[in-house]
Amino acid sequence: MKSVKIVSVLLATLLAIPVFAQTTATPKVDQRQENQQKRIAEGVNSGALTAKETSNLEKREAKIEADKQAAKADGKVTKHERQHLQHEEDNASKKIHDKKHNAKTTGAAH
């Protein structure tokens, strides 16, 4: 009976290990990057973003991508690295909103 319990505990532990393993996958960051690129494109198309605003937002997005690649470089993205990327994405999202809703426009049709 003891051996059955031990085997059960070992199996449960082995099955749980992949859940806690660190990985280089960043699906949430990837999805946010895609969404934010769409928001920037919408701002350009509507005239809500000037060329300078667009350039600044694109530089911010490029920095996030570079940071993501740096986090993946060692073969794992840690919880701290994920939190940092999430924080950068939050800031970028706010900047996109602010730039799209300020008084500056290109004069294109809305």
PDB file of N, CA and C in Angstrom:
ATOM      1  N   MET A   1       0.822  -1.191   0.000  1.00  0.00           N
ATOM      2  CA  MET A   1       0.000   0.000   0.000  1.00  0.00           C
ATOM      3  C   MET A   1       0.865   1.253   0.000  1.00  0.00           C
ATOM      4  N   LYS A   2       1.968   1.216   0.793  1.00  0.00           N
ATOM      5  CA  LYS A   2       2.873   2.363   0.836  1.00  0.00           C
ATOM      6  C   LYS A   2       3.495   2.618  -0.530  1.00  0.00           C
ATOM      7  N   SER A   3       3.847   1.564  -1.223  1.00  0.00           N
ATOM      8  CA  SER A   3       4.493   1.736  -2.525  1.00  0.00           C
ATOM      9  C   SER A   3       3.523   2.361  -3.537  1.00  0.00           C
ATOM     10  N   VAL A   4       2.245   2.069  -3.429  1.00  0.00           N
ATOM     11  CA  VAL A   4       1.244   2.672  -4.319  1.00  0.00           C
ATOM     12  C   VAL A   4       1.169   4.171  -4.059  1.00  0.00           C
ATOM     13  N   LYS A   5       1.192   4.571  -2.795  1.00  0.00           N
ATOM     14  CA  LYS A   5       1.144   5.985  -2.444  1.00  0.00           C
ATOM     15  C   LYS A   5       2.399   6.700  -2.941  1.00  0.00           C
ATOM     16  N   ILE A   6       3.532   6.067  -2.769  1.00  0.00           N
ATOM     17  CA  ILE A   6       4.799   6.666  -3.206  1.00  0.00           C
ATOM     18  C   ILE A   6       4.802   6.829  -4.723  1.00  0.00           C
ATOM     19  N   VAL A   7       4.380   5.814  -5.431  1.00  0.00           N
ATOM     20  CA  VAL A   7       4.324   5.880  -6.889  1.00  0.00           C
ATOM     21  C   VAL A   7       3.344   6.976  -7.320  1.00  0.00           C
ATOM     22  N   SER A   8       2.216   7.067  -6.648  1.00  0.00           N
ATOM     23  CA  SER A   8       1.224   8.097  -6.973  1.00  0.00           C
ATOM     24  C   SER A   8       1.785   9.493  -6.773  1.00  0.00           C
ATOM     25  N   VAL A   9       2.494   9.697  -5.672  1.00  0.00           N
ATOM     26  CA  VAL A   9       3.097  10.998  -5.385  1.00  0.00           C
ATOM     27  C   VAL A   9       4.169  11.317  -6.425  1.00  0.00           C
ATOM     28  N   LEU A  10       4.989  10.349  -6.769  1.00  0.00           N
ATOM     29  CA  LEU A  10       6.021  10.559  -7.780  1.00  0.00           C
ATOM     30  C   LEU A  10       5.412  10.907  -9.138  1.00  0.00           C
ATOM     31  N   LEU A  11       4.376  10.196  -9.525  1.00  0.00           N
ATOM     32  CA  LEU A  11       3.722  10.483 -10.799  1.00  0.00           C
ATOM     33  C   LEU A  11       3.106  11.881 -10.803  1.00  0.00           C
ATOM     34  N   ALA A  12       2.458  12.231  -9.715  1.00  0.00           N
ATOM     35  CA  ALA A  12       1.853  13.566  -9.624  1.00  0.00           C
ATOM     36  C   ALA A  12       2.929  14.645  -9.701  1.00  0.00           C
ATOM     37  N   THR A  13       4.061  14.398  -9.052  1.00  0.00           N
ATOM     38  CA  THR A  13       5.162  15.358  -9.078  1.00  0.00           C
ATOM     39  C   THR A  13       5.736  15.488 -10.479  1.00  0.00           C
ATOM     40  N   LEU A  14       5.947  14.376 -11.144  1.00  0.00           N
ATOM     41  CA  LEU A  14       6.495  14.408 -12.499  1.00  0.00           C
ATOM     42  C   LEU A  14       5.548  15.087 -13.483  1.00  0.00           C
ATOM     43  N   LEU A  15       4.269  14.909 -13.297  1.00  0.00           N
ATOM     44  CA  LEU A  15       3.298  15.551 -14.174  1.00  0.00           C
ATOM     45  C   LEU A  15       3.199  17.057 -13.908  1.00  0.00           C
ATOM     46  N   ALA A  16       3.474  17.469 -12.693  1.00  0.00           N
ATOM     47  CA  ALA A  16       3.374  18.889 -12.338  1.00  0.00           C
ATOM     48  C   ALA A  16       4.613  19.681 -12.732  1.00  0.00           C
ATOM     49  N   ILE A  17       5.744  19.038 -12.888  1.00  0.00           N
ATOM     50  CA  ILE A  17       6.996  19.740 -13.196  1.00  0.00           C
ATOM     51  C   ILE A  17       6.895  20.595 -14.458  1.00  0.00           C
ATOM     52  N   PRO A  18       6.336  20.107 -15.559  1.00  0.00           N
ATOM     53  CA  PRO A  18       6.256  20.958 -16.749  1.00  0.00           C
ATOM     54  C   PRO A  18       5.457  22.241 -16.517  1.00  0.00           C
ATOM     55  N   VAL A  19       4.490  22.215 -15.616  1.00  0.00           N
ATOM     56  CA  VAL A  19       3.699  23.404 -15.323  1.00  0.00           C
ATOM     57  C   VAL A  19       4.574  24.497 -14.736  1.00  0.00           C
ATOM     58  N   PHE A  20       5.538  24.113 -13.914  1.00  0.00           N
ATOM     59  CA  PHE A  20       6.387  25.086 -13.250  1.00  0.00           C
ATOM     60  C   PHE A  20       7.680  25.386 -14.009  1.00  0.00           C
ATOM     61  N   ALA A  21       7.946  24.648 -15.047  1.00  0.00           N
ATOM     62  CA  ALA A  21       9.180  24.854 -15.800  1.00  0.00           C
ATOM     63  C   ALA A  21       9.151  26.214 -16.499  1.00  0.00           C
ATOM     64  N   GLN A  22      10.290  26.867 -16.507  1.00  0.00           N
ATOM     65  CA  GLN A  22      10.382  28.144 -17.203  1.00  0.00           C
ATOM     66  C   GLN A  22      10.583  27.886 -18.681  1.00  0.00           C
ATOM     67  N   THR A  23      10.020  28.745 -19.484  1.00  0.00           N
ATOM     68  CA  THR A  23      10.056  28.542 -20.917  1.00  0.00           C
ATOM     69  C   THR A  23      10.343  29.876 -21.598  1.00  0.00           C
ATOM     70  N   THR A  24      10.636  29.804 -22.871  1.00  0.00           N
ATOM     71  CA  THR A  24      10.864  31.047 -23.612  1.00  0.00           C
ATOM     72  C   THR A  24       9.590  31.519 -24.302  1.00  0.00           C
ATOM     73  N   ALA A  25       8.503  30.774 -24.181  1.00  0.00           N
ATOM     74  CA  ALA A  25       7.251  31.187 -24.806  1.00  0.00           C
ATOM     75  C   ALA A  25       6.711  32.437 -24.113  1.00  0.00           C
ATOM     76  N   THR A  26       6.282  33.391 -24.926  1.00  0.00           N
ATOM     77  CA  THR A  26       5.720  34.640 -24.384  1.00  0.00           C
ATOM     78  C   THR A  26       4.423  34.979 -25.122  1.00  0.00           C
ATOM     79  N   PRO A  27       3.418  34.093 -25.054  1.00  0.00           N
ATOM     80  CA  PRO A  27       2.207  34.311 -25.848  1.00  0.00           C
ATOM     81  C   PRO A  27       1.453  35.590 -25.479  1.00  0.00           C
ATOM     82  N   LYS A  28       1.400  35.937 -24.205  1.00  0.00           N
ATOM     83  CA  LYS A  28       0.679  37.156 -23.809  1.00  0.00           C
ATOM     84  C   LYS A  28       1.380  38.400 -24.344  1.00  0.00           C
ATOM     85  N   VAL A  29       2.690  38.432 -24.226  1.00  0.00           N
ATOM     86  CA  VAL A  29       3.452  39.581 -24.741  1.00  0.00           C
ATOM     87  C   VAL A  29       3.313  39.646 -26.255  1.00  0.00           C
ATOM     88  N   ASP A  30       3.417  38.509 -26.920  1.00  0.00           N
ATOM     89  CA  ASP A  30       3.287  38.468 -28.377  1.00  0.00           C
ATOM     90  C   ASP A  30       1.929  39.018 -28.817  1.00  0.00           C
ATOM     91  N   GLN A  31       0.867  38.589 -28.127  1.00  0.00           N
ATOM     92  CA  GLN A  31      -0.479  39.040 -28.479  1.00  0.00           C
ATOM     93  C   GLN A  31      -0.632  40.538 -28.238  1.00  0.00           C
ATOM     94  N   ARG A  32      -0.091  41.025 -27.133  1.00  0.00           N
ATOM     95  CA  ARG A  32      -0.178  42.461 -26.854  1.00  0.00           C
ATOM     96  C   ARG A  32       0.594  43.265 -27.891  1.00  0.00           C
ATOM     97  N   GLN A  33       1.755  42.764 -28.295  1.00  0.00           N
ATOM     98  CA  GLN A  33       2.526  43.460 -29.324  1.00  0.00           C
ATOM     99  C   GLN A  33       1.717  43.556 -30.612  1.00  0.00           C
ATOM    100  N   GLU A  34       1.080  42.470 -30.981  1.00  0.00           N
ATOM    101  CA  GLU A  34       0.261  42.457 -32.190  1.00  0.00           C
ATOM    102  C   GLU A  34      -0.899  43.451 -32.068  1.00  0.00           C
ATOM    103  N   ASN A  35      -1.578  43.431 -30.929  1.00  0.00           N
ATOM    104  CA  ASN A  35      -2.705  44.345 -30.713  1.00  0.00           C
ATOM    105  C   ASN A  35      -2.252  45.804 -30.761  1.00  0.00           C
ATOM    106  N   GLN A  36      -1.122  46.082 -30.156  1.00  0.00           N
ATOM    107  CA  GLN A  36      -0.650  47.459 -30.103  1.00  0.00           C
ATOM    108  C   GLN A  36      -0.170  47.942 -31.467  1.00  0.00           C
ATOM    109  N   GLN A  37       0.377  47.048 -32.266  1.00  0.00           N
ATOM    110  CA  GLN A  37       0.743  47.423 -33.626  1.00  0.00           C
ATOM    111  C   GLN A  37      -0.513  47.781 -34.428  1.00  0.00           C
ATOM    112  N   LYS A  38      -1.584  47.034 -34.214  1.00  0.00           N
ATOM    113  CA  LYS A  38      -2.850  47.338 -34.889  1.00  0.00           C
ATOM    114  C   LYS A  38      -3.379  48.699 -34.445  1.00  0.00           C
ATOM    115  N   ARG A  39      -3.279  48.990 -33.158  1.00  0.00           N
ATOM    116  CA  ARG A  39      -3.759  50.276 -32.641  1.00  0.00           C
ATOM    117  C   ARG A  39      -2.953  51.427 -33.232  1.00  0.00           C
ATOM    118  N   ILE A  40      -1.649  51.234 -33.367  1.00  0.00           N
ATOM    119  CA  ILE A  40      -0.808  52.277 -33.975  1.00  0.00           C
ATOM    120  C   ILE A  40      -1.214  52.464 -35.435  1.00  0.00           C
ATOM    121  N   ALA A  41      -1.394  51.372 -36.153  1.00  0.00           N
ATOM    122  CA  ALA A  41      -1.796  51.454 -37.564  1.00  0.00           C
ATOM    123  C   ALA A  41      -3.144  52.154 -37.717  1.00  0.00           C
ATOM    124  N   GLU A  42      -4.067  51.859 -36.825  1.00  0.00           N
ATOM    125  CA  GLU A  42      -5.369  52.527 -36.862  1.00  0.00           C
ATOM    126  C   GLU A  42      -5.216  54.032 -36.649  1.00  0.00           C
ATOM    127  N   GLY A  43      -4.322  54.410 -35.721  1.00  0.00           N
ATOM    128  CA  GLY A  43      -4.075  55.826 -35.465  1.00  0.00           C
ATOM    129  C   GLY A  43      -3.473  56.530 -36.663  1.00  0.00           C
ATOM    130  N   VAL A  44      -2.591  55.835 -37.360  1.00  0.00           N
ATOM    131  CA  VAL A  44      -1.983  56.402 -38.573  1.00  0.00           C
ATOM    132  C   VAL A  44      -3.053  56.567 -39.648  1.00  0.00           C
ATOM    133  N   ASN A  45      -3.834  55.515 -39.860  1.00  0.00           N
ATOM    134  CA  ASN A  45      -4.862  55.534 -40.909  1.00  0.00           C
ATOM    135  C   ASN A  45      -5.941  56.579 -40.654  1.00  0.00           C
ATOM    136  N   SER A  46      -6.265  56.812 -39.399  1.00  0.00           N
ATOM    137  CA  SER A  46      -7.316  57.775 -39.073  1.00  0.00           C
ATOM    138  C   SER A  46      -6.789  59.209 -39.012  1.00  0.00           C
ATOM    139  N   GLY A  47      -5.470  59.353 -38.989  1.00  0.00           N
ATOM    140  CA  GLY A  47      -4.883  60.682 -38.876  1.00  0.00           C
ATOM    141  C   GLY A  47      -4.714  61.132 -37.430  1.00  0.00           C
ATOM    142  N   ALA A  48      -5.036  60.267 -36.476  1.00  0.00           N
ATOM    143  CA  ALA A  48      -4.930  60.612 -35.063  1.00  0.00           C
ATOM    144  C   ALA A  48      -3.479  60.652 -34.583  1.00  0.00           C
ATOM    145  N   LEU A  49      -2.575  60.014 -35.328  1.00  0.00           N
ATOM    146  CA  LEU A  49      -1.156  60.006 -34.965  1.00  0.00           C
ATOM    147  C   LEU A  49      -0.355  60.746 -36.022  1.00  0.00           C
ATOM    148  N   THR A  50       0.505  61.637 -35.560  1.00  0.00           N
ATOM    149  CA  THR A  50       1.415  62.321 -36.473  1.00  0.00           C
ATOM    150  C   THR A  50       2.585  61.405 -36.785  1.00  0.00           C
ATOM    151  N   ALA A  51       3.391  61.778 -37.741  1.00  0.00           N
ATOM    152  CA  ALA A  51       4.570  60.972 -38.103  1.00  0.00           C
ATOM    153  C   ALA A  51       5.529  60.864 -36.923  1.00  0.00           C
ATOM    154  N   LYS A  52       5.727  61.969 -36.205  1.00  0.00           N
ATOM    155  CA  LYS A  52       6.635  61.954 -35.061  1.00  0.00           C
ATOM    156  C   LYS A  52       6.098  61.069 -33.945  1.00  0.00           C
ATOM    157  N   GLU A  53       4.800  61.164 -33.674  1.00  0.00           N
ATOM    158  CA  GLU A  53       4.196  60.309 -32.640  1.00  0.00           C
ATOM    159  C   GLU A  53       4.330  58.838 -33.030  1.00  0.00           C
ATOM    160  N   THR A  54       4.062  58.550 -34.276  1.00  0.00           N
ATOM    161  CA  THR A  54       4.167  57.172 -34.765  1.00  0.00           C
ATOM    162  C   THR A  54       5.595  56.657 -34.611  1.00  0.00           C
ATOM    163  N   SER A  55       6.556  57.477 -34.977  1.00  0.00           N
ATOM    164  CA  SER A  55       7.962  57.091 -34.856  1.00  0.00           C
ATOM    165  C   SER A  55       8.315  56.774 -33.406  1.00  0.00           C
ATOM    166  N   ASN A  56       7.877  57.624 -32.493  1.00  0.00           N
ATOM    167  CA  ASN A  56       8.170  57.397 -31.072  1.00  0.00           C
ATOM    168  C   ASN A  56       7.516  56.118 -30.562  1.00  0.00           C
ATOM    169  N   LEU A  57       6.276  55.881 -30.973  1.00  0.00           N
ATOM    170  CA  LEU A  57       5.587  54.662 -30.545  1.00  0.00           C
ATOM    171  C   LEU A  57       6.257  53.424 -31.128  1.00  0.00           C
ATOM    172  N   GLU A  58       6.685  53.507 -32.376  1.00  0.00           N
ATOM    173  CA  GLU A  58       7.361  52.367 -33.008  1.00  0.00           C
ATOM    174  C   GLU A  58       8.707  52.078 -32.327  1.00  0.00           C
ATOM    175  N   LYS A  59       9.406  53.125 -31.923  1.00  0.00           N
ATOM    176  CA  LYS A  59      10.670  52.928 -31.196  1.00  0.00           C
ATOM    177  C   LYS A  59      10.415  52.224 -29.874  1.00  0.00           C
ATOM    178  N   ARG A  60       9.344  52.601 -29.205  1.00  0.00           N
ATOM    179  CA  ARG A  60       8.976  51.966 -27.932  1.00  0.00           C
ATOM    180  C   ARG A  60       8.671  50.489 -28.163  1.00  0.00           C
ATOM    181  N   GLU A  61       7.937  50.189 -29.226  1.00  0.00           N
ATOM    182  CA  GLU A  61       7.611  48.793 -29.540  1.00  0.00           C
ATOM    183  C   GLU A  61       8.878  48.002 -29.889  1.00  0.00           C
ATOM    184  N   ALA A  62       9.795  48.620 -30.606  1.00  0.00           N
ATOM    185  CA  ALA A  62      11.059  47.955 -30.947  1.00  0.00           C
ATOM    186  C   ALA A  62      11.869  47.658 -29.688  1.00  0.00           C
ATOM    187  N   LYS A  63      11.833  48.545 -28.725  1.00  0.00           N
ATOM    188  CA  LYS A  63      12.548  48.343 -27.451  1.00  0.00           C
ATOM    189  C   LYS A  63      11.952  47.147 -26.712  1.00  0.00           C
ATOM    190  N   ILE A  64      10.642  47.061 -26.698  1.00  0.00           N
ATOM    191  CA  ILE A  64       9.984  45.924 -26.045  1.00  0.00           C
ATOM    192  C   ILE A  64      10.393  44.624 -26.726  1.00  0.00           C
ATOM    193  N   GLU A  65      10.420  44.627 -28.055  1.00  0.00           N
ATOM    194  CA  GLU A  65      10.829  43.426 -28.802  1.00  0.00           C
ATOM    195  C   GLU A  65      12.275  43.051 -28.476  1.00  0.00           C
ATOM    196  N   ALA A  66      13.149  44.045 -28.407  1.00  0.00           N
ATOM    197  CA  ALA A  66      14.557  43.782 -28.071  1.00  0.00           C
ATOM    198  C   ALA A  66      14.677  43.225 -26.652  1.00  0.00           C
ATOM    199  N   ASP A  67      13.908  43.773 -25.724  1.00  0.00           N
ATOM    200  CA  ASP A  67      13.928  43.276 -24.351  1.00  0.00           C
ATOM    201  C   ASP A  67      13.397  41.848 -24.276  1.00  0.00           C
ATOM    202  N   LYS A  68      12.372  41.552 -25.062  1.00  0.00           N
ATOM    203  CA  LYS A  68      11.822  40.196 -25.099  1.00  0.00           C
ATOM    204  C   LYS A  68      12.869  39.220 -25.625  1.00  0.00           C
ATOM    205  N   GLN A  69      13.552  39.588 -26.695  1.00  0.00           N
ATOM    206  CA  GLN A  69      14.584  38.719 -27.262  1.00  0.00           C
ATOM    207  C   GLN A  69      15.742  38.531 -26.276  1.00  0.00           C
ATOM    208  N   ALA A  70      16.093  39.587 -25.556  1.00  0.00           N
ATOM    209  CA  ALA A  70      17.156  39.477 -24.543  1.00  0.00           C
ATOM    210  C   ALA A  70      16.720  38.541 -23.420  1.00  0.00           C
ATOM    211  N   ALA A  71      15.459  38.614 -23.036  1.00  0.00           N
ATOM    212  CA  ALA A  71      14.953  37.730 -21.979  1.00  0.00           C
ATOM    213  C   ALA A  71      14.993  36.269 -22.429  1.00  0.00           C
ATOM    214  N   LYS A  72      14.754  36.026 -23.703  1.00  0.00           N
ATOM    215  CA  LYS A  72      14.751  34.661 -24.236  1.00  0.00           C
ATOM    216  C   LYS A  72      16.155  34.125 -24.499  1.00  0.00           C
ATOM    217  N   ALA A  73      17.142  34.990 -24.542  1.00  0.00           N
ATOM    218  CA  ALA A  73      18.495  34.618 -24.972  1.00  0.00           C
ATOM    219  C   ALA A  73      19.113  33.486 -24.155  1.00  0.00           C
ATOM    220  N   ASP A  74      18.813  33.410 -22.875  1.00  0.00           N
ATOM    221  CA  ASP A  74      19.418  32.369 -22.044  1.00  0.00           C
ATOM    222  C   ASP A  74      18.591  31.086 -22.004  1.00  0.00           C
ATOM    223  N   GLY A  75      17.537  31.025 -22.805  1.00  0.00           N
ATOM    224  CA  GLY A  75      16.747  29.804 -22.881  1.00  0.00           C
ATOM    225  C   GLY A  75      15.548  29.767 -21.966  1.00  0.00           C
ATOM    226  N   LYS A  76      15.330  30.805 -21.184  1.00  0.00           N
ATOM    227  CA  LYS A  76      14.150  30.848 -20.321  1.00  0.00           C
ATOM    228  C   LYS A  76      13.784  32.297 -20.047  1.00  0.00           C
ATOM    229  N   VAL A  77      12.497  32.518 -19.888  1.00  0.00           N
ATOM    230  CA  VAL A  77      12.012  33.841 -19.516  1.00  0.00           C
ATOM    231  C   VAL A  77      11.492  33.706 -18.091  1.00  0.00           C
ATOM    232  N   THR A  78      12.150  34.383 -17.174  1.00  0.00           N
ATOM    233  CA  THR A  78      11.795  34.261 -15.758  1.00  0.00           C
ATOM    234  C   THR A  78      10.535  35.068 -15.437  1.00  0.00           C
ATOM    235  N   LYS A  79       9.984  34.817 -14.273  1.00  0.00           N
ATOM    236  CA  LYS A  79       8.805  35.549 -13.808  1.00  0.00           C
ATOM    237  C   LYS A  79       9.115  37.046 -13.768  1.00  0.00           C
ATOM    238  N   HIS A  80      10.279  37.401 -13.283  1.00  0.00           N
ATOM    239  CA  HIS A  80      10.677  38.811 -13.201  1.00  0.00           C
ATOM    240  C   HIS A  80      10.755  39.438 -14.599  1.00  0.00           C
ATOM    241  N   GLU A  81      11.324  38.708 -15.550  1.00  0.00           N
ATOM    242  CA  GLU A  81      11.420  39.215 -16.923  1.00  0.00           C
ATOM    243  C   GLU A  81      10.034  39.389 -17.534  1.00  0.00           C
ATOM    244  N   ARG A  82       9.139  38.439 -17.260  1.00  0.00           N
ATOM    245  CA  ARG A  82       7.765  38.558 -17.755  1.00  0.00           C
ATOM    246  C   ARG A  82       7.072  39.783 -17.154  1.00  0.00           C
ATOM    247  N   GLN A  83       7.282  40.006 -15.869  1.00  0.00           N
ATOM    248  CA  GLN A  83       6.688  41.173 -15.218  1.00  0.00           C
ATOM    249  C   GLN A  83       7.228  42.463 -15.820  1.00  0.00           C
ATOM    250  N   HIS A  84       8.515  42.494 -16.105  1.00  0.00           N
ATOM    251  CA  HIS A  84       9.130  43.675 -16.716  1.00  0.00           C
ATOM    252  C   HIS A  84       8.531  43.924 -18.099  1.00  0.00           C
ATOM    253  N   LEU A  85       8.395  42.882 -18.892  1.00  0.00           N
ATOM    254  CA  LEU A  85       7.806  43.024 -20.228  1.00  0.00           C
ATOM    255  C   LEU A  85       6.355  43.490 -20.123  1.00  0.00           C
ATOM    256  N   GLN A  86       5.627  42.944 -19.171  1.00  0.00           N
ATOM    257  CA  GLN A  86       4.233  43.339 -18.969  1.00  0.00           C
ATOM    258  C   GLN A  86       4.149  44.826 -18.603  1.00  0.00           C
ATOM    259  N   HIS A  87       5.050  45.263 -17.739  1.00  0.00           N
ATOM    260  CA  HIS A  87       5.088  46.677 -17.335  1.00  0.00           C
ATOM    261  C   HIS A  87       5.393  47.571 -18.542  1.00  0.00           C
ATOM    262  N   GLU A  88       6.330  47.155 -19.368  1.00  0.00           N
ATOM    263  CA  GLU A  88       6.648  47.918 -20.578  1.00  0.00           C
ATOM    264  C   GLU A  88       5.437  47.982 -21.516  1.00  0.00           C
ATOM    265  N   GLU A  89       4.733  46.871 -21.652  1.00  0.00           N
ATOM    266  CA  GLU A  89       3.543  46.838 -22.499  1.00  0.00           C
ATOM    267  C   GLU A  89       2.450  47.753 -21.938  1.00  0.00           C
ATOM    268  N   ASP A  90       2.291  47.763 -20.619  1.00  0.00           N
ATOM    269  CA  ASP A  90       1.308  48.662 -19.994  1.00  0.00           C
ATOM    270  C   ASP A  90       1.626  50.118 -20.313  1.00  0.00           C
ATOM    271  N   ASN A  91       2.891  50.483 -20.165  1.00  0.00           N
ATOM    272  CA  ASN A  91       3.302  51.862 -20.447  1.00  0.00           C
ATOM    273  C   ASN A  91       3.101  52.206 -21.924  1.00  0.00           C
ATOM    274  N   ALA A  92       3.439  51.290 -22.801  1.00  0.00           N
ATOM    275  CA  ALA A  92       3.276  51.520 -24.235  1.00  0.00           C
ATOM    276  C   ALA A  92       1.794  51.696 -24.578  1.00  0.00           C
ATOM    277  N   SER A  93       0.952  50.887 -23.979  1.00  0.00           N
ATOM    278  CA  SER A  93      -0.482  50.983 -24.228  1.00  0.00           C
ATOM    279  C   SER A  93      -1.014  52.357 -23.829  1.00  0.00           C
ATOM    280  N   LYS A  94      -0.584  52.830 -22.684  1.00  0.00           N
ATOM    281  CA  LYS A  94      -1.014  54.161 -22.222  1.00  0.00           C
ATOM    282  C   LYS A  94      -0.522  55.245 -23.180  1.00  0.00           C
ATOM    283  N   LYS A  95       0.713  55.128 -23.635  1.00  0.00           N
ATOM    284  CA  LYS A  95       1.266  56.113 -24.572  1.00  0.00           C
ATOM    285  C   LYS A  95       0.481  56.114 -25.886  1.00  0.00           C
ATOM    286  N   ILE A  96       0.139  54.929 -26.372  1.00  0.00           N
ATOM    287  CA  ILE A  96      -0.638  54.847 -27.611  1.00  0.00           C
ATOM    288  C   ILE A  96      -1.971  55.573 -27.422  1.00  0.00           C
ATOM    289  N   HIS A  97      -2.637  55.288 -26.333  1.00  0.00           N
ATOM    290  CA  HIS A  97      -3.916  55.952 -26.052  1.00  0.00           C
ATOM    291  C   HIS A  97      -3.740  57.462 -25.980  1.00  0.00           C
ATOM    292  N   ASP A  98      -2.756  57.905 -25.206  1.00  0.00           N
ATOM    293  CA  ASP A  98      -2.525  59.342 -25.038  1.00  0.00           C
ATOM    294  C   ASP A  98      -2.240  60.028 -26.373  1.00  0.00           C
ATOM    295  N   LYS A  99      -1.388  59.427 -27.177  1.00  0.00           N
ATOM    296  CA  LYS A  99      -1.011  60.027 -28.459  1.00  0.00           C
ATOM    297  C   LYS A  99      -2.184  60.037 -29.439  1.00  0.00           C
ATOM    298  N   LYS A 100      -3.006  58.986 -29.417  1.00  0.00           N
ATOM    299  CA  LYS A 100      -4.143  58.931 -30.333  1.00  0.00           C
ATOM    300  C   LYS A 100      -5.236  59.925 -29.946  1.00  0.00           C
ATOM    301  N   HIS A 101      -5.277  60.308 -28.670  1.00  0.00           N
ATOM    302  CA  HIS A 101      -6.363  61.156 -28.188  1.00  0.00           C
ATOM    303  C   HIS A 101      -5.917  62.565 -27.812  1.00  0.00           C
ATOM    304  N   ASN A 102      -4.732  62.953 -28.228  1.00  0.00           N
ATOM    305  CA  ASN A 102      -4.311  64.330 -27.972  1.00  0.00           C
ATOM    306  C   ASN A 102      -4.806  65.222 -29.111  1.00  0.00           C
ATOM    307  N   ALA A 103      -4.488  66.493 -29.039  1.00  0.00           N
ATOM    308  CA  ALA A 103      -4.993  67.452 -30.039  1.00  0.00           C
ATOM    309  C   ALA A 103      -4.242  67.381 -31.365  1.00  0.00           C
ATOM    310  N   LYS A 104      -3.117  66.713 -31.394  1.00  0.00           N
ATOM    311  CA  LYS A 104      -2.315  66.649 -32.623  1.00  0.00           C
ATOM    312  C   LYS A 104      -2.897  65.632 -33.596  1.00  0.00           C
ATOM    313  N   THR A 105      -3.072  66.052 -34.835  1.00  0.00           N
ATOM    314  CA  THR A 105      -3.535  65.137 -35.874  1.00  0.00           C
ATOM    315  C   THR A 105      -2.811  65.480 -37.172  1.00  0.00           C
ATOM    316  N   THR A 106      -2.938  64.592 -38.131  1.00  0.00           N
ATOM    317  CA  THR A 106      -2.340  64.847 -39.447  1.00  0.00           C
ATOM    318  C   THR A 106      -3.321  65.543 -40.360  1.00  0.00           C
ATOM    319  N   GLY A 107      -4.552  65.687 -39.918  1.00  0.00           N
ATOM    320  CA  GLY A 107      -5.570  66.320 -40.749  1.00  0.00           C
ATOM    321  C   GLY A 107      -6.254  65.357 -41.681  1.00  0.00           C
ATOM    322  N   ALA A 108      -5.923  64.070 -41.599  1.00  0.00           N
ATOM    323  CA  ALA A 108      -6.577  63.064 -42.439  1.00  0.00           C
ATOM    324  C   ALA A 108      -8.015  62.860 -41.951  1.00  0.00           C
ATOM    325  N   ALA A 109      -8.856  62.352 -42.804  1.00  0.00           N
ATOM    326  CA  ALA A 109     -10.249  62.132 -42.451  1.00  0.00           C
ATOM    327  C   ALA A 109     -10.351  61.122 -41.327  1.00  0.00           C
ATOM    328  N   HIS A 110     -11.247  61.373 -40.407  1.00  0.00           N
ATOM    329  CA  HIS A 110     -11.456  60.464 -39.271  1.00  0.00           C
ATOM    330  C   HIS A 110     -12.521  59.526 -39.641  1.00  0.00           C
TER     331      HIS A 110
END
